[in-house]
Amino acid sequence: MQFRTGYIYHWVSAVLFIGIGMYVFFNPSVLPGNSASLKTGIAALLSIWGLFRGINGYLIYRRRSHEKE
């Protein structure tokens, strides 16, 4: 049995990753260390991963809506 995730799962996780990325970007003191560029890079990576999840969710939604037609 294969576990299949739906588009809602991808969209919710996208919002969470982008939200966490924005939180880290605007509040860099939540991460330990002194390197501002590392903290900005982590925030960017989280946001990009969230965008990737959102795009995957959209593609799953579009594929499933075309299958029903």
N, C-alpha and C. Protein backbone atom coordinates (compact mmCIF):
# COMPACT_ATOMS: atom_id res chain seq x y z
N MET A 1 0.84 -1.18 0.00
CA MET A 1 0.00 0.00 0.00
C MET A 1 0.89 1.24 0.00
N GLN A 2 0.61 2.14 -0.89
CA GLN A 2 1.40 3.36 -1.02
C GLN A 2 0.65 4.51 -0.36
N PHE A 3 1.36 5.29 0.44
CA PHE A 3 0.78 6.46 1.08
C PHE A 3 0.77 7.61 0.10
N ARG A 4 -0.43 8.11 -0.20
CA ARG A 4 -0.55 9.23 -1.13
C ARG A 4 -0.99 10.47 -0.37
N THR A 5 -0.28 11.54 -0.57
CA THR A 5 -0.64 12.80 0.06
C THR A 5 -1.45 13.62 -0.93
N GLY A 6 -2.35 14.40 -0.41
CA GLY A 6 -3.19 15.22 -1.26
C GLY A 6 -2.69 16.65 -1.34
N TYR A 7 -3.40 17.42 -2.13
CA TYR A 7 -2.99 18.80 -2.35
C TYR A 7 -3.18 19.65 -1.11
N ILE A 8 -4.15 19.32 -0.27
CA ILE A 8 -4.36 20.10 0.95
C ILE A 8 -3.17 19.94 1.89
N TYR A 9 -2.64 18.74 2.00
CA TYR A 9 -1.45 18.49 2.81
C TYR A 9 -0.28 19.34 2.30
N HIS A 10 -0.10 19.40 0.99
CA HIS A 10 1.00 20.18 0.42
C HIS A 10 0.80 21.67 0.66
N TRP A 11 -0.44 22.15 0.52
CA TRP A 11 -0.69 23.56 0.73
C TRP A 11 -0.51 23.97 2.19
N VAL A 12 -0.96 23.13 3.12
CA VAL A 12 -0.79 23.44 4.54
C VAL A 12 0.69 23.44 4.91
N SER A 13 1.43 22.43 4.42
CA SER A 13 2.86 22.41 4.73
C SER A 13 3.59 23.57 4.07
N ALA A 14 3.14 24.00 2.90
CA ALA A 14 3.75 25.17 2.24
C ALA A 14 3.56 26.42 3.09
N VAL A 15 2.36 26.61 3.60
CA VAL A 15 2.10 27.78 4.45
C VAL A 15 2.96 27.73 5.72
N LEU A 16 3.10 26.54 6.30
CA LEU A 16 3.92 26.40 7.50
C LEU A 16 5.39 26.71 7.22
N PHE A 17 5.94 26.14 6.15
CA PHE A 17 7.35 26.38 5.84
C PHE A 17 7.61 27.84 5.50
N ILE A 18 6.75 28.45 4.72
CA ILE A 18 6.93 29.86 4.38
C ILE A 18 6.78 30.73 5.63
N GLY A 19 5.81 30.39 6.47
CA GLY A 19 5.62 31.14 7.71
C GLY A 19 6.82 31.05 8.64
N ILE A 20 7.36 29.85 8.79
CA ILE A 20 8.55 29.68 9.63
C ILE A 20 9.74 30.42 9.02
N GLY A 21 9.88 30.36 7.71
CA GLY A 21 10.96 31.08 7.04
C GLY A 21 10.86 32.58 7.25
N MET A 22 9.65 33.13 7.15
CA MET A 22 9.46 34.57 7.37
C MET A 22 9.71 34.93 8.84
N TYR A 23 9.30 34.05 9.74
CA TYR A 23 9.53 34.30 11.17
C TYR A 23 11.03 34.35 11.46
N VAL A 24 11.78 33.41 10.91
CA VAL A 24 13.23 33.40 11.12
C VAL A 24 13.87 34.62 10.47
N PHE A 25 13.37 35.02 9.30
CA PHE A 25 13.95 36.17 8.61
C PHE A 25 13.75 37.46 9.41
N PHE A 26 12.55 37.66 9.95
CA PHE A 26 12.26 38.90 10.66
C PHE A 26 12.65 38.85 12.14
N ASN A 27 12.90 37.64 12.67
CA ASN A 27 13.34 37.48 14.06
C ASN A 27 14.55 36.56 14.10
N PRO A 28 15.69 37.01 13.62
CA PRO A 28 16.86 36.13 13.55
C PRO A 28 17.40 35.70 14.91
N SER A 29 16.93 36.33 15.98
CA SER A 29 17.42 35.96 17.32
C SER A 29 16.87 34.60 17.77
N VAL A 30 15.92 34.02 17.05
CA VAL A 30 15.37 32.71 17.45
C VAL A 30 16.36 31.59 17.19
N LEU A 31 17.34 31.81 16.32
CA LEU A 31 18.36 30.81 16.04
C LEU A 31 19.65 31.16 16.79
N PRO A 32 20.32 30.16 17.33
CA PRO A 32 21.57 30.45 18.03
C PRO A 32 22.69 30.81 17.05
N GLY A 33 23.66 31.53 17.52
CA GLY A 33 24.81 31.90 16.69
C GLY A 33 24.79 33.37 16.33
N ASN A 34 25.89 33.81 15.71
CA ASN A 34 26.05 35.23 15.39
C ASN A 34 26.03 35.52 13.90
N SER A 35 25.97 34.51 13.06
CA SER A 35 26.07 34.73 11.63
C SER A 35 24.72 35.11 11.03
N ALA A 36 24.59 36.38 10.66
CA ALA A 36 23.34 36.87 10.08
C ALA A 36 23.11 36.28 8.70
N SER A 37 24.19 36.07 7.93
CA SER A 37 24.02 35.52 6.59
C SER A 37 23.55 34.07 6.64
N LEU A 38 24.00 33.31 7.63
CA LEU A 38 23.53 31.93 7.79
C LEU A 38 22.05 31.90 8.15
N LYS A 39 21.64 32.78 9.03
CA LYS A 39 20.23 32.85 9.41
C LYS A 39 19.35 33.27 8.24
N THR A 40 19.83 34.20 7.44
CA THR A 40 19.09 34.61 6.26
C THR A 40 19.02 33.47 5.25
N GLY A 41 20.09 32.72 5.12
CA GLY A 41 20.10 31.57 4.22
C GLY A 41 19.13 30.49 4.66
N ILE A 42 19.06 30.24 5.97
CA ILE A 42 18.11 29.26 6.49
C ILE A 42 16.68 29.72 6.23
N ALA A 43 16.41 30.99 6.45
CA ALA A 43 15.08 31.53 6.18
C ALA A 43 14.73 31.41 4.71
N ALA A 44 15.68 31.70 3.83
CA ALA A 44 15.44 31.58 2.39
C ALA A 44 15.20 30.13 1.99
N LEU A 45 15.97 29.22 2.55
CA LEU A 45 15.81 27.80 2.24
C LEU A 45 14.43 27.30 2.67
N LEU A 46 13.99 27.68 3.86
CA LEU A 46 12.66 27.28 4.32
C LEU A 46 11.57 27.85 3.43
N SER A 47 11.71 29.10 3.02
CA SER A 47 10.71 29.72 2.16
C SER A 47 10.68 29.08 0.78
N ILE A 48 11.84 28.78 0.23
CA ILE A 48 11.91 28.14 -1.09
C ILE A 48 11.30 26.74 -1.02
N TRP A 49 11.57 26.02 0.05
CA TRP A 49 10.98 24.69 0.22
C TRP A 49 9.45 24.81 0.32
N GLY A 50 8.97 25.84 1.00
CA GLY A 50 7.53 26.07 1.08
C GLY A 50 6.93 26.36 -0.28
N LEU A 51 7.62 27.15 -1.09
CA LEU A 51 7.14 27.42 -2.45
C LEU A 51 7.10 26.14 -3.28
N PHE A 52 8.12 25.31 -3.13
CA PHE A 52 8.16 24.03 -3.83
C PHE A 52 6.98 23.16 -3.43
N ARG A 53 6.67 23.12 -2.12
CA ARG A 53 5.52 22.34 -1.65
C ARG A 53 4.22 22.90 -2.22
N GLY A 54 4.09 24.21 -2.27
CA GLY A 54 2.89 24.82 -2.81
C GLY A 54 2.69 24.52 -4.29
N ILE A 55 3.77 24.56 -5.05
CA ILE A 55 3.69 24.24 -6.48
C ILE A 55 3.31 22.78 -6.66
N ASN A 56 3.89 21.89 -5.86
CA ASN A 56 3.51 20.47 -5.95
C ASN A 56 2.03 20.29 -5.61
N GLY A 57 1.55 21.00 -4.61
CA GLY A 57 0.13 20.92 -4.27
C GLY A 57 -0.75 21.38 -5.40
N TYR A 58 -0.35 22.46 -6.07
CA TYR A 58 -1.12 22.95 -7.20
C TYR A 58 -1.13 21.93 -8.34
N LEU A 59 0.01 21.32 -8.61
CA LEU A 59 0.08 20.33 -9.69
C LEU A 59 -0.77 19.10 -9.37
N ILE A 60 -0.79 18.68 -8.11
CA ILE A 60 -1.65 17.55 -7.72
C ILE A 60 -3.11 17.94 -7.87
N TYR A 61 -3.47 19.14 -7.44
CA TYR A 61 -4.85 19.62 -7.58
C TYR A 61 -5.28 19.64 -9.03
N ARG A 62 -4.42 20.18 -9.89
CA ARG A 62 -4.75 20.27 -11.31
C ARG A 62 -4.88 18.89 -11.94
N ARG A 63 -3.98 17.98 -11.58
CA ARG A 63 -4.03 16.62 -12.14
C ARG A 63 -5.31 15.92 -11.72
N ARG A 64 -5.68 16.03 -10.44
CA ARG A 64 -6.88 15.36 -9.96
C ARG A 64 -8.14 15.98 -10.51
N SER A 65 -8.15 17.30 -10.73
CA SER A 65 -9.35 17.93 -11.30
C SER A 65 -9.52 17.53 -12.76
N HIS A 66 -8.42 17.29 -13.48
CA HIS A 66 -8.54 16.84 -14.87
C HIS A 66 -8.93 15.38 -14.95
N GLU A 67 -8.57 14.58 -13.95
CA GLU A 67 -8.95 13.16 -13.96
C GLU A 67 -10.45 12.99 -13.78
N LYS A 68 -11.11 13.91 -13.07
CA LYS A 68 -12.53 13.81 -12.83
C LYS A 68 -13.36 14.15 -14.05
N GLU A 69 -12.79 14.87 -14.99
CA GLU A 69 -13.54 15.31 -16.18
C GLU A 69 -13.77 14.19 -17.14
